[in-house]
Amino acid sequence: MAQASDALRLEFPGSPLLHRLSPVLIGVAILCAYHNACRGPFIFDDLPSIPNNPAIRTLWPIWMPMFPAGNLGIAGRPLVGLSFAINYAIDGLNPRGYHAGNVLIHIAAALTLFGVARRLLRRWSLASAEGIAMVIALIWAVHPIQTETVTYIVNRSEGMLGLFSLLTLYSFLRSLDSPRRRMWQALSILASLAAVACKEVGAMLGPIVLLLDVLLVTGSWMQTLRQRKWFYAALLLDWVLLVGLLQTVTGHNKLGGAGIISPLQYLAMQSQILLMYLKLCFWPSPLVISYVDWPVPVSPWSAWPTLAAMGALFVATVVGVIRKYPAAAAGVVFFLVLAPTSSLLPLPSEPAAERRMYLPLAAIVFLLVLAARRLSRKLPRRRVVMGAIVALLVIGLGQATVYRNDDYATDVAIWKDTLAKRPNNWFALSNMAAAVQPTEGFAGAMKWYDAALRVKPDFGRARSNRGMCLIQLGRREEGLVDMLKGAELEPDRSYLWAYLGWGLQLAGRPAEAEVYLRKALTINPADPVALKRLQSPAKPLPTTSPNP
């Protein structure tokens, strides 16, 4: 496409040997950046989806791990569940194997991004396309914002979504010049379906590929649709698959969520969050595992500066698409990938998550690398200076990733880090309680639950866990009151009713316990706590517990 070539043409001098070794360098860079990522334990959302998920403990029948209980975080994401089952078949519940799987997926995604970038740059006849593609893939691969996807095991869903999305683009680009055009288009369609089977956002691939086709390949809507109308019609299968997979999801894990926040307030809040995402691309600090405590704007107009800024970027993207500017492709990927959680299907229970930038970061890095090379054309000793800048940038980002991985080394470390950055995060306070309980006992854990409830009195899970601590400390009636209140605050969470039944068993009230355990099974027939406690009732605790 002449327009893209003229707008983005540049030179990237470098050694031909270096270019041939690009895939090796990308892989080595990732291994260096994530060499300490495999030592961390299962944390937070890992627990229900992996060690406490009986479905992954078998590979046959294959649909067992692919379609676990509908209230799990990996429900509706069959390929992710299957990948965890493969991990279990190889090395049981050793977290190292699951971490290693995430790193390998990230390597595969980075190499696919390298292939996508190289093919695009070659189409534009850019000099040293391999060198530019290598720089794009390297920066993207070692950027610290990727740690939540790579190092936090359960977020493999985001990594697999990224891998299959990039494979969709790569196969599409291969189809443009290949004599086996239909084969590559079929592979592109299959990859897009696989992306949906990893995470719901994969359904956005159809419009993304269509817009990138117009902006970066043909420069014409008519030509694009005339040449590939059946291909884009087939990509609509993504939405059919999405609707089917959503039928396997139950309760609070369905897309979207209710809350006491208006659509305009949510949009204002998301404008702040999107601006934060962009800021983290340029300066990845502070990185946080949970943004549940993000403040809700009092009114949409109180966030007018960020609304104006993001509105301007959105309008610029729309204008760029209308005028077919290649640079608008970065905005297309950014806004369409983030659209489901930022506007289309609000998630007030998790307004922000760094993992959502896994794919958008690639588009931003692509644009910035090309812009930097264009601006550096008249720089003295350009080859040496730009090579040194790239090397320092990759090393610096990689070292920051190593440091961030250390925060995931223990569950205490990650929640301590979160509280240092967001001291009123009630998820972090509650999870810190569970993290310190083995060393500080139930009394020590209860202090953290109390702190979480001071910040958010209606946090049902913290209330329920506090009640279990009270029961373990011999304060049965107080504990049961807390556990009942916690379950009533979040009635769609089966495990809170199961914990209440467990608590009643420990208090010596088996008949009442069975009622609540069966109530848990009406919400989730596969609830592991309810099933276990019905099969093997817990023995009542003494009135006064020994030293916790």
Protein backbone atom coordinates (compact mmCIF):
# COMPACT_ATOMS: atom_id res chain seq x y z
CA MET A 1 0.00 0.00 0.00
CA ALA A 2 1.66 3.16 -1.19
CA GLN A 3 0.14 5.42 1.45
CA ALA A 4 1.41 3.27 4.31
CA SER A 5 4.80 2.87 2.70
CA ASP A 6 5.26 6.58 2.15
CA ALA A 7 4.08 7.48 5.65
CA LEU A 8 6.18 4.93 7.49
CA ARG A 9 9.22 4.25 5.33
CA LEU A 10 12.49 4.28 7.29
CA GLU A 11 15.80 2.54 7.58
CA PHE A 12 16.90 0.21 10.31
CA PRO A 13 20.53 -0.64 9.70
CA GLY A 14 21.92 -3.72 11.35
CA SER A 15 23.81 -6.96 10.90
CA PRO A 16 22.19 -9.58 8.63
CA LEU A 17 23.41 -12.23 11.10
CA LEU A 18 21.67 -10.36 13.92
CA HIS A 19 18.46 -10.34 11.92
CA ARG A 20 18.68 -14.10 11.27
CA LEU A 21 19.13 -14.68 14.99
CA SER A 22 16.14 -12.51 15.89
CA PRO A 23 13.87 -15.37 17.06
CA VAL A 24 16.66 -16.71 19.27
CA LEU A 25 17.34 -13.27 20.76
CA ILE A 26 13.64 -12.76 21.49
CA GLY A 27 13.41 -16.12 23.23
CA VAL A 28 16.58 -15.51 25.25
CA ALA A 29 15.41 -12.04 26.27
CA ILE A 30 12.14 -13.46 27.60
CA LEU A 31 13.92 -16.23 29.50
CA CYS A 32 16.22 -13.66 31.09
CA ALA A 33 13.30 -11.38 32.02
CA TYR A 34 11.24 -14.24 33.46
CA HIS A 35 13.96 -16.49 34.88
CA ASN A 36 12.60 -15.88 38.39
CA ALA A 37 8.92 -16.14 37.49
CA CYS A 38 8.58 -19.88 38.13
CA ARG A 39 9.14 -19.91 41.88
CA GLY A 40 5.90 -18.28 42.96
CA PRO A 41 3.01 -20.27 44.49
CA PHE A 42 -0.62 -20.39 43.47
CA ILE A 43 -2.26 -17.16 44.61
CA PHE A 44 -5.74 -15.62 44.78
CA ASP A 45 -7.75 -16.61 41.67
CA ASP A 46 -5.27 -19.41 40.90
CA LEU A 47 -6.67 -21.40 43.81
CA PRO A 48 -10.25 -22.12 42.66
CA SER A 49 -9.25 -22.55 39.01
CA ILE A 50 -6.26 -24.88 39.51
CA PRO A 51 -5.57 -26.65 42.84
CA ASN A 52 -9.24 -26.61 43.94
CA ASN A 53 -10.60 -27.47 40.49
CA PRO A 54 -11.16 -31.26 40.19
CA ALA A 55 -11.99 -30.91 36.48
CA ILE A 56 -8.35 -30.38 35.48
CA ARG A 57 -7.26 -33.67 37.05
CA THR A 58 -8.26 -35.68 34.03
CA LEU A 59 -7.65 -35.40 30.29
CA TRP A 60 -10.40 -37.79 29.37
CA PRO A 61 -13.17 -37.27 28.57
CA ILE A 62 -11.67 -34.12 27.12
CA TRP A 63 -14.72 -31.98 27.83
CA MET A 64 -14.26 -32.42 31.58
CA PRO A 65 -11.33 -29.95 31.92
CA MET A 66 -12.70 -27.80 29.10
CA PHE A 67 -16.04 -27.19 30.80
CA PRO A 68 -15.53 -26.99 34.57
CA ALA A 69 -17.99 -25.58 37.10
CA GLY A 70 -19.69 -22.52 35.64
CA ASN A 71 -18.72 -20.18 38.47
CA LEU A 72 -14.97 -20.61 38.05
CA GLY A 73 -12.81 -17.89 36.50
CA ILE A 74 -11.89 -20.21 33.61
CA ALA A 75 -15.51 -21.17 32.87
CA GLY A 76 -16.38 -20.48 29.26
CA ARG A 77 -12.67 -20.66 28.32
CA PRO A 78 -12.25 -24.32 27.35
CA LEU A 79 -8.75 -24.16 25.87
CA VAL A 80 -7.42 -22.59 29.07
CA GLY A 81 -8.93 -25.36 31.20
CA LEU A 82 -7.50 -27.96 28.83
CA SER A 83 -4.03 -26.39 29.10
CA PHE A 84 -4.21 -26.60 32.91
CA ALA A 85 -5.22 -30.25 32.62
CA ILE A 86 -2.14 -30.89 30.46
CA ASN A 87 -0.01 -29.22 33.13
CA TYR A 88 -1.60 -31.43 35.79
CA ALA A 89 -0.97 -34.56 33.72
CA ILE A 90 2.70 -33.63 33.39
CA ASP A 91 3.57 -32.54 36.94
CA GLY A 92 0.50 -32.53 39.16
CA LEU A 93 0.05 -29.38 41.22
CA ASN A 94 3.65 -28.17 41.07
CA PRO A 95 3.28 -24.41 40.38
CA ARG A 96 6.58 -24.36 38.47
CA GLY A 97 5.08 -26.30 35.58
CA TYR A 98 2.15 -23.89 35.27
CA HIS A 99 4.50 -20.89 35.41
CA ALA A 100 6.71 -22.47 32.75
CA GLY A 101 3.65 -23.01 30.56
CA ASN A 102 2.82 -19.30 30.79
CA VAL A 103 6.36 -18.33 29.84
CA LEU A 104 6.33 -20.68 26.82
CA ILE A 105 3.01 -19.19 25.67
CA HIS A 106 4.52 -15.72 25.98
CA ILE A 107 7.54 -16.76 23.91
CA ALA A 108 5.25 -18.17 21.22
CA ALA A 109 3.20 -14.94 21.23
CA ALA A 110 6.33 -12.77 20.95
CA LEU A 111 7.64 -14.82 18.02
CA THR A 112 4.24 -14.56 16.34
CA LEU A 113 4.27 -10.79 16.85
CA PHE A 114 7.72 -10.76 15.25
CA GLY A 115 6.25 -12.60 12.26
CA VAL A 116 3.28 -10.24 12.00
CA ALA A 117 5.46 -7.12 12.19
CA ARG A 118 8.00 -8.48 9.70
CA ARG A 119 5.33 -9.35 7.14
CA LEU A 120 3.67 -5.95 7.45
CA LEU A 121 6.97 -4.10 7.10
CA ARG A 122 7.97 -6.20 4.11
CA ARG A 123 4.67 -5.38 2.39
CA TRP A 124 5.60 -1.71 2.76
CA SER A 125 9.10 -2.43 1.37
CA LEU A 126 10.75 -1.02 4.49
CA ALA A 127 14.49 -1.49 4.73
CA SER A 128 15.62 -3.94 7.42
CA ALA A 129 12.11 -5.13 8.15
CA GLU A 130 13.47 -7.97 10.29
CA GLY A 131 15.46 -5.62 12.48
CA ILE A 132 12.47 -3.34 13.09
CA ALA A 133 10.23 -6.34 13.80
CA MET A 134 12.81 -7.71 16.25
CA VAL A 135 12.89 -4.42 18.19
CA ILE A 136 9.07 -4.33 18.35
CA ALA A 137 8.86 -7.91 19.62
CA LEU A 138 11.69 -7.43 22.13
CA ILE A 139 10.23 -4.31 23.72
CA TRP A 140 6.76 -5.84 23.87
CA ALA A 141 8.01 -9.14 25.28
CA VAL A 142 10.05 -7.78 28.21
CA HIS A 143 7.79 -4.86 29.14
CA PRO A 144 6.88 -5.13 32.88
CA ILE A 145 3.17 -4.53 32.29
CA GLN A 146 3.10 -8.06 30.84
CA THR A 147 3.99 -9.65 34.20
CA GLU A 148 0.38 -9.90 35.35
CA THR A 149 -0.34 -12.05 32.30
CA VAL A 150 2.82 -14.14 32.39
CA THR A 151 3.68 -14.48 36.09
CA TYR A 152 0.14 -14.70 37.53
CA ILE A 153 -0.78 -18.23 36.46
CA VAL A 154 -4.55 -17.98 36.04
CA ASN A 155 -4.10 -15.10 33.60
CA ARG A 156 -2.89 -17.62 31.07
CA SER A 157 -6.25 -16.88 29.47
CA GLU A 158 -4.92 -13.45 28.44
CA GLY A 159 -1.67 -14.91 27.13
CA MET A 160 -3.47 -17.55 25.07
CA LEU A 161 -5.91 -14.92 23.79
CA GLY A 162 -2.91 -12.83 22.70
CA LEU A 163 -1.18 -15.79 21.04
CA PHE A 164 -4.22 -16.88 19.03
CA SER A 165 -5.11 -13.28 18.13
CA LEU A 166 -1.62 -12.75 16.74
CA LEU A 167 -1.85 -16.09 14.91
CA THR A 168 -5.12 -14.85 13.39
CA LEU A 169 -3.31 -11.79 12.05
CA TYR A 170 -0.24 -13.76 10.95
CA SER A 171 -2.29 -16.33 9.03
CA PHE A 172 -4.30 -13.54 7.41
CA LEU A 173 -1.10 -11.79 6.26
CA ARG A 174 0.27 -15.09 4.91
CA SER A 175 -2.93 -15.56 2.92
CA LEU A 176 -2.38 -12.30 1.02
CA ASP A 177 0.60 -13.55 -0.99
CA SER A 178 0.41 -17.33 -0.65
CA PRO A 179 -0.73 -19.67 -3.45
CA ARG A 180 -2.55 -21.52 -0.62
CA ARG A 181 -4.67 -18.52 0.17
CA ARG A 182 -7.72 -20.47 1.31
CA MET A 183 -5.68 -22.65 3.62
CA TRP A 184 -4.18 -19.64 5.39
CA GLN A 185 -7.58 -17.95 5.62
CA ALA A 186 -9.01 -21.12 7.15
CA LEU A 187 -6.16 -21.17 9.67
CA SER A 188 -6.86 -17.52 10.46
CA ILE A 189 -10.52 -18.31 11.14
CA LEU A 190 -9.60 -21.30 13.31
CA ALA A 191 -7.13 -19.18 15.27
CA SER A 192 -9.81 -16.55 15.89
CA LEU A 193 -12.18 -19.24 17.18
CA ALA A 194 -9.41 -20.51 19.44
CA ALA A 195 -8.95 -16.96 20.75
CA VAL A 196 -12.65 -16.81 21.70
CA ALA A 197 -12.24 -20.19 23.41
CA CYS A 198 -9.55 -18.60 25.59
CA LYS A 199 -11.26 -15.32 26.44
CA GLU A 200 -14.43 -13.54 25.38
CA VAL A 201 -12.58 -10.52 23.96
CA GLY A 202 -11.51 -12.74 21.05
CA ALA A 203 -14.89 -11.99 19.46
CA MET A 204 -13.53 -8.51 18.62
CA LEU A 205 -11.02 -10.01 16.15
CA GLY A 206 -13.38 -9.77 13.17
CA PRO A 207 -13.71 -5.97 13.20
CA ILE A 208 -10.06 -5.59 14.19
CA VAL A 209 -8.77 -7.63 11.24
CA LEU A 210 -11.17 -5.88 8.87
CA LEU A 211 -10.03 -2.40 9.93
CA LEU A 212 -6.34 -3.38 9.84
CA ASP A 213 -6.88 -4.81 6.37
CA VAL A 214 -8.27 -1.48 5.17
CA LEU A 215 -5.71 0.68 6.98
CA LEU A 216 -2.54 -1.32 6.46
CA VAL A 217 -3.08 -3.49 3.38
CA THR A 218 -5.59 -2.32 0.75
CA GLY A 219 -6.45 1.26 1.72
CA SER A 220 -9.94 0.65 0.32
CA TRP A 221 -13.19 -0.55 1.88
CA MET A 222 -14.58 -1.66 -1.46
CA GLN A 223 -11.49 -3.61 -2.43
CA THR A 224 -11.26 -5.27 0.98
CA LEU A 225 -14.86 -6.43 1.05
CA ARG A 226 -14.88 -7.42 -2.63
CA GLN A 227 -11.76 -9.58 -2.26
CA ARG A 228 -12.45 -11.13 1.15
CA LYS A 229 -16.18 -10.92 1.88
CA TRP A 230 -16.47 -14.64 2.63
CA PHE A 231 -13.48 -14.53 4.96
CA TYR A 232 -15.04 -11.76 7.04
CA ALA A 233 -18.42 -13.48 6.97
CA ALA A 234 -16.72 -16.59 8.39
CA LEU A 235 -15.17 -14.51 11.18
CA LEU A 236 -18.73 -13.89 12.41
CA LEU A 237 -18.55 -17.47 13.72
CA ASP A 238 -16.59 -15.98 16.62
CA TRP A 239 -19.81 -14.42 17.91
CA VAL A 240 -21.74 -17.66 17.51
CA LEU A 241 -19.10 -19.49 19.55
CA LEU A 242 -19.09 -16.72 22.16
CA VAL A 243 -22.85 -17.01 22.68
CA GLY A 244 -22.52 -20.78 23.06
CA LEU A 245 -19.66 -20.56 25.56
CA LEU A 246 -21.49 -17.97 27.66
CA GLN A 247 -24.18 -20.57 28.28
CA THR A 248 -21.63 -22.56 30.29
CA VAL A 249 -20.92 -19.63 32.63
CA THR A 250 -23.03 -19.05 35.70
CA GLY A 251 -23.49 -16.52 38.47
CA HIS A 252 -21.03 -13.68 39.02
CA ASN A 253 -18.69 -14.83 36.23
CA LYS A 254 -21.07 -13.88 33.43
CA LEU A 255 -19.90 -10.98 31.29
CA GLY A 256 -20.85 -7.65 32.71
CA GLY A 257 -21.93 -6.97 36.25
CA ALA A 258 -24.36 -5.04 38.32
CA GLY A 259 -23.32 -2.29 40.66
CA ILE A 260 -24.34 0.99 42.20
CA ILE A 261 -22.57 2.92 39.48
CA SER A 262 -24.28 4.61 36.55
CA PRO A 263 -23.13 4.04 32.95
CA LEU A 264 -21.84 7.62 32.75
CA GLN A 265 -19.91 7.24 36.01
CA TYR A 266 -18.42 3.99 34.71
CA LEU A 267 -17.41 5.66 31.44
CA ALA A 268 -15.79 8.53 33.37
CA MET A 269 -13.93 6.04 35.56
CA GLN A 270 -12.77 4.09 32.50
CA SER A 271 -11.43 7.27 30.90
CA GLN A 272 -9.13 7.58 33.94
CA ILE A 273 -8.17 3.92 33.70
CA LEU A 274 -7.45 4.02 29.95
CA LEU A 275 -5.18 7.01 30.51
CA MET A 276 -3.43 5.06 33.26
CA TYR A 277 -2.92 2.13 30.85
CA LEU A 278 -1.26 4.48 28.36
CA LYS A 279 0.91 5.99 31.08
CA LEU A 280 2.04 2.49 32.16
CA CYS A 281 3.15 1.78 28.58
CA PHE A 282 5.63 4.66 28.83
CA TRP A 283 6.45 4.43 32.56
CA PRO A 284 5.46 1.04 34.00
CA SER A 285 5.17 2.04 37.64
CA PRO A 286 3.42 1.45 39.95
CA LEU A 287 2.17 -1.97 38.86
CA VAL A 288 -0.65 -3.40 40.96
CA ILE A 289 -2.36 -6.79 40.92
CA SER A 290 -5.75 -5.43 41.99
CA TYR A 291 -7.53 -2.15 41.27
CA VAL A 292 -10.80 -3.13 42.94
CA ASP A 293 -10.63 0.02 45.07
CA TRP A 294 -10.49 2.41 42.10
CA PRO A 295 -12.56 5.43 43.24
CA VAL A 296 -15.85 6.00 41.47
CA PRO A 297 -16.16 9.59 40.20
CA VAL A 298 -18.78 11.55 42.13
CA SER A 299 -20.19 12.61 38.77
CA PRO A 300 -19.04 12.17 35.16
CA TRP A 301 -18.13 15.84 34.97
CA SER A 302 -15.64 15.52 37.84
CA ALA A 303 -13.49 13.46 35.45
CA TRP A 304 -13.80 15.86 32.51
CA PRO A 305 -10.01 16.20 31.89
CA THR A 306 -9.57 12.46 31.30
CA LEU A 307 -12.88 12.21 29.46
CA ALA A 308 -11.70 15.00 27.16
CA ALA A 309 -8.27 13.40 26.65
CA MET A 310 -9.61 9.93 25.85
CA GLY A 311 -12.43 11.42 23.79
CA ALA A 312 -9.86 13.28 21.69
CA LEU A 313 -7.87 10.08 21.13
CA PHE A 314 -11.04 8.22 20.17
CA VAL A 315 -12.10 10.95 17.73
CA ALA A 316 -8.57 10.99 16.26
CA THR A 317 -8.80 7.24 15.74
CA VAL A 318 -12.20 7.51 14.05
CA VAL A 319 -10.97 10.32 11.78
CA GLY A 320 -7.86 8.27 11.00
CA VAL A 321 -10.00 5.29 10.03
CA ILE A 322 -12.24 7.45 7.82
CA ARG A 323 -9.21 8.96 6.09
CA LYS A 324 -7.42 5.60 6.08
CA TYR A 325 -4.29 6.75 7.95
CA PRO A 326 -2.14 3.69 8.80
CA ALA A 327 -1.24 5.15 12.21
CA ALA A 328 -4.91 4.86 13.22
CA ALA A 329 -4.38 1.09 13.42
CA ALA A 330 -2.86 1.51 16.89
CA GLY A 331 -6.00 3.27 18.11
CA VAL A 332 -8.20 0.60 16.53
CA VAL A 333 -6.48 -2.19 18.45
CA PHE A 334 -6.37 -0.18 21.69
CA PHE A 335 -10.03 0.81 21.72
CA LEU A 336 -11.55 -2.38 20.29
CA VAL A 337 -9.63 -4.78 22.56
CA LEU A 338 -10.50 -2.71 25.62
CA ALA A 339 -14.07 -1.88 24.54
CA PRO A 340 -15.79 -4.88 26.22
CA THR A 341 -14.52 -4.04 29.70
CA SER A 342 -14.37 -0.27 29.32
CA SER A 343 -17.80 0.42 27.89
CA LEU A 344 -19.77 -2.40 26.22
CA LEU A 345 -20.00 -4.80 29.18
CA PRO A 346 -19.08 -2.98 32.40
CA LEU A 347 -17.19 -4.87 35.10
CA PRO A 348 -17.50 -2.68 38.19
CA SER A 349 -16.12 -5.50 40.37
CA GLU A 350 -12.81 -5.32 38.45
CA PRO A 351 -12.65 -1.92 36.76
CA ALA A 352 -8.98 -2.14 35.79
CA ALA A 353 -6.46 -4.90 35.12
CA GLU A 354 -2.99 -4.52 33.65
CA ARG A 355 -3.32 -7.84 31.82
CA ARG A 356 -5.87 -6.23 29.48
CA MET A 357 -2.99 -4.32 27.85
CA TYR A 358 -1.31 -7.52 26.64
CA LEU A 359 -2.44 -7.06 23.02
CA PRO A 360 -2.91 -3.27 22.88
CA LEU A 361 0.71 -2.81 23.99
CA ALA A 362 1.85 -4.48 20.76
CA ALA A 363 0.06 -1.88 18.64
CA ILE A 364 1.42 0.99 20.74
CA VAL A 365 5.00 -0.31 20.59
CA PHE A 366 4.68 -0.85 16.83
CA LEU A 367 3.63 2.77 16.32
CA LEU A 368 6.27 4.19 18.66
CA VAL A 369 9.15 2.22 17.15
CA LEU A 370 8.26 3.37 13.65
CA ALA A 371 7.87 6.96 14.82
CA ALA A 372 11.22 6.86 16.67
CA ARG A 373 13.06 5.50 13.64
CA ARG A 374 11.52 8.15 11.40
CA LEU A 375 12.47 10.97 13.79
CA SER A 376 16.03 9.67 14.07
CA ARG A 377 16.83 9.76 10.34
CA LYS A 378 19.13 12.79 10.65
CA LEU A 379 20.73 11.76 13.92
CA PRO A 380 24.58 11.71 13.78
CA ARG A 381 26.00 8.20 14.04
CA ARG A 382 22.48 6.95 13.91
CA ARG A 383 23.33 3.24 13.85
CA VAL A 384 25.35 3.38 17.07
CA VAL A 385 23.07 5.77 18.93
CA MET A 386 19.83 3.98 18.10
CA GLY A 387 21.36 0.59 18.77
CA ALA A 388 22.52 1.77 22.19
CA ILE A 389 19.10 3.25 22.99
CA VAL A 390 17.31 0.04 22.03
CA ALA A 391 19.74 -2.09 24.03
CA LEU A 392 19.41 0.10 27.13
CA LEU A 393 15.63 0.17 26.80
CA VAL A 394 15.30 -3.60 26.49
CA ILE A 395 17.73 -4.21 29.36
CA GLY A 396 15.99 -1.64 31.56
CA LEU A 397 12.51 -3.00 30.85
CA GLY A 398 13.74 -6.56 31.32
CA GLN A 399 15.31 -5.74 34.68
CA ALA A 400 12.08 -4.04 35.80
CA THR A 401 10.24 -7.24 34.85
CA VAL A 402 12.65 -9.29 36.96
CA TYR A 403 11.99 -7.00 39.94
CA ARG A 404 8.23 -7.23 39.43
CA ASN A 405 8.41 -11.04 39.31
CA ASP A 406 9.91 -10.94 42.81
CA ASP A 407 6.63 -9.46 44.06
CA TYR A 408 4.92 -12.71 43.06
CA ALA A 409 7.45 -14.89 44.92
CA THR A 410 5.07 -15.42 47.87
CA ASP A 411 1.45 -14.61 48.55
CA VAL A 412 2.51 -12.37 51.42
CA ALA A 413 4.89 -10.45 49.13
CA ILE A 414 2.30 -9.69 46.43
CA TRP A 415 -0.32 -8.45 48.89
CA LYS A 416 2.23 -6.46 50.87
CA ASP A 417 3.30 -4.81 47.62
CA THR A 418 -0.34 -4.06 46.71
CA LEU A 419 -1.07 -2.50 50.09
CA ALA A 420 2.06 -0.35 49.89
CA LYS A 421 0.63 1.14 46.67
CA ARG A 422 -3.11 1.00 47.43
CA PRO A 423 -3.55 0.80 51.24
CA ASN A 424 -7.37 0.81 51.07
CA ASN A 425 -7.61 -2.16 48.71
CA TRP A 426 -9.99 -4.49 50.55
CA PHE A 427 -9.10 -7.46 48.34
CA ALA A 428 -5.46 -7.08 49.32
CA LEU A 429 -6.32 -6.72 53.02
CA SER A 430 -8.51 -9.82 52.94
CA ASN A 431 -5.97 -11.85 51.00
CA MET A 432 -3.20 -10.74 53.33
CA ALA A 433 -5.23 -12.33 56.13
CA ALA A 434 -5.21 -15.70 54.35
CA ALA A 435 -1.52 -15.30 53.55
CA VAL A 436 -0.43 -14.67 57.15
CA GLN A 437 -2.74 -17.21 58.79
CA PRO A 438 -0.25 -20.14 58.59
CA THR A 439 2.36 -18.13 60.53
CA GLU A 440 0.29 -15.74 62.66
CA GLY A 441 -2.68 -18.01 63.37
CA PHE A 442 -6.38 -17.20 63.24
CA ALA A 443 -6.06 -14.24 65.60
CA GLY A 444 -3.42 -12.67 63.34
CA ALA A 445 -5.52 -13.27 60.23
CA MET A 446 -8.60 -11.76 61.86
CA LYS A 447 -6.82 -8.41 62.26
CA TRP A 448 -6.51 -8.18 58.47
CA TYR A 449 -10.13 -9.19 57.93
CA ASP A 450 -11.16 -6.48 60.38
CA ALA A 451 -9.10 -3.97 58.39
CA ALA A 452 -10.78 -5.06 55.14
CA LEU A 453 -14.24 -4.70 56.69
CA ARG A 454 -13.43 -1.24 57.99
CA VAL A 455 -12.78 -0.18 54.40
CA LYS A 456 -15.71 -2.15 52.91
CA PRO A 457 -18.26 -3.33 55.50
CA ASP A 458 -20.33 -5.21 52.87
CA PHE A 459 -17.42 -7.38 51.70
CA GLY A 460 -19.06 -10.77 52.14
CA ARG A 461 -15.99 -12.94 51.64
CA ALA A 462 -14.01 -11.12 54.32
CA ARG A 463 -17.00 -11.32 56.68
CA SER A 464 -17.35 -15.07 56.09
CA ASN A 465 -13.63 -15.73 56.56
CA ARG A 466 -13.60 -13.66 59.74
CA GLY A 467 -16.44 -15.85 61.01
CA MET A 468 -14.41 -19.01 60.36
CA CYS A 469 -11.53 -17.50 62.32
CA LEU A 470 -13.89 -16.83 65.24
CA ILE A 471 -15.13 -20.42 65.17
CA GLN A 472 -11.56 -21.73 65.15
CA LEU A 473 -10.86 -19.46 68.15
CA GLY A 474 -13.80 -20.98 70.07
CA ARG A 475 -16.22 -18.06 69.57
CA ARG A 476 -18.80 -20.17 67.76
CA GLU A 477 -21.94 -18.08 67.85
CA GLU A 478 -20.14 -14.88 66.85
CA GLY A 479 -18.47 -16.73 64.02
CA LEU A 480 -21.71 -18.25 62.69
CA VAL A 481 -23.37 -14.83 62.70
CA ASP A 482 -20.49 -13.45 60.60
CA MET A 483 -20.57 -16.41 58.20
CA LEU A 484 -24.32 -16.12 57.65
CA LYS A 485 -24.03 -12.37 57.06
CA GLY A 486 -21.14 -12.90 54.63
CA ALA A 487 -23.14 -15.41 52.58
CA GLU A 488 -26.18 -13.12 52.53
CA LEU A 489 -24.03 -10.21 51.30
CA GLU A 490 -22.85 -12.24 48.28
CA PRO A 491 -25.60 -14.85 47.84
CA ASP A 492 -24.53 -16.02 44.37
CA ARG A 493 -21.18 -17.31 45.65
CA SER A 494 -21.74 -20.98 46.44
CA TYR A 495 -18.62 -21.37 48.50
CA LEU A 496 -19.80 -18.85 51.10
CA TRP A 497 -22.85 -21.03 51.80
CA ALA A 498 -20.57 -24.08 51.80
CA TYR A 499 -18.27 -22.40 54.34
CA LEU A 500 -21.30 -21.63 56.48
CA GLY A 501 -22.25 -25.32 56.38
CA TRP A 502 -18.68 -26.23 57.27
CA GLY A 503 -18.76 -23.77 60.17
CA LEU A 504 -22.00 -25.31 61.46
CA GLN A 505 -20.38 -28.75 61.34
CA LEU A 506 -17.45 -27.43 63.37
CA ALA A 507 -19.96 -25.94 65.84
CA GLY A 508 -21.64 -29.34 66.27
CA ARG A 509 -24.85 -28.55 64.33
CA PRO A 510 -24.84 -31.14 61.50
CA ALA A 511 -28.55 -30.93 60.55
CA GLU A 512 -28.37 -27.17 59.92
CA ALA A 513 -25.00 -27.65 58.18
CA GLU A 514 -26.52 -30.00 55.61
CA VAL A 515 -29.17 -27.42 54.66
CA TYR A 516 -26.55 -24.83 53.73
CA LEU A 517 -24.23 -27.32 52.06
CA ARG A 518 -27.08 -28.40 49.79
CA LYS A 519 -27.95 -24.75 49.17
CA ALA A 520 -24.38 -24.28 47.93
CA LEU A 521 -24.87 -27.19 45.52
CA THR A 522 -28.01 -25.63 44.07
CA ILE A 523 -25.83 -22.65 43.05
CA ASN A 524 -22.86 -24.73 41.94
CA PRO A 525 -23.39 -28.52 41.73
CA ALA A 526 -19.60 -29.01 41.65
CA ASP A 527 -18.74 -26.86 44.68
CA PRO A 528 -15.75 -28.78 46.13
CA VAL A 529 -16.23 -27.66 49.75
CA ALA A 530 -19.91 -28.62 49.82
CA LEU A 531 -19.28 -32.00 48.18
CA LYS A 532 -16.41 -32.81 50.53
CA ARG A 533 -18.27 -31.78 53.68
CA LEU A 534 -21.37 -33.77 52.73
CA GLN A 535 -19.26 -36.86 52.11
CA SER A 536 -16.90 -36.41 55.08
CA PRO A 537 -18.49 -34.14 57.73
CA ALA A 538 -16.04 -32.13 59.82
CA LYS A 539 -15.71 -33.12 63.47
CA PRO A 540 -16.95 -30.46 65.93
CA LEU A 541 -14.27 -28.28 67.49
CA PRO A 542 -13.94 -28.03 71.26
CA THR A 543 -15.62 -25.02 72.84
CA THR A 544 -12.27 -23.34 73.45
CA SER A 545 -9.65 -23.82 70.78
CA PRO A 546 -6.04 -24.48 71.70
CA ASN A 547 -3.44 -21.89 70.75
CA PRO A 548 -4.18 -20.98 67.08
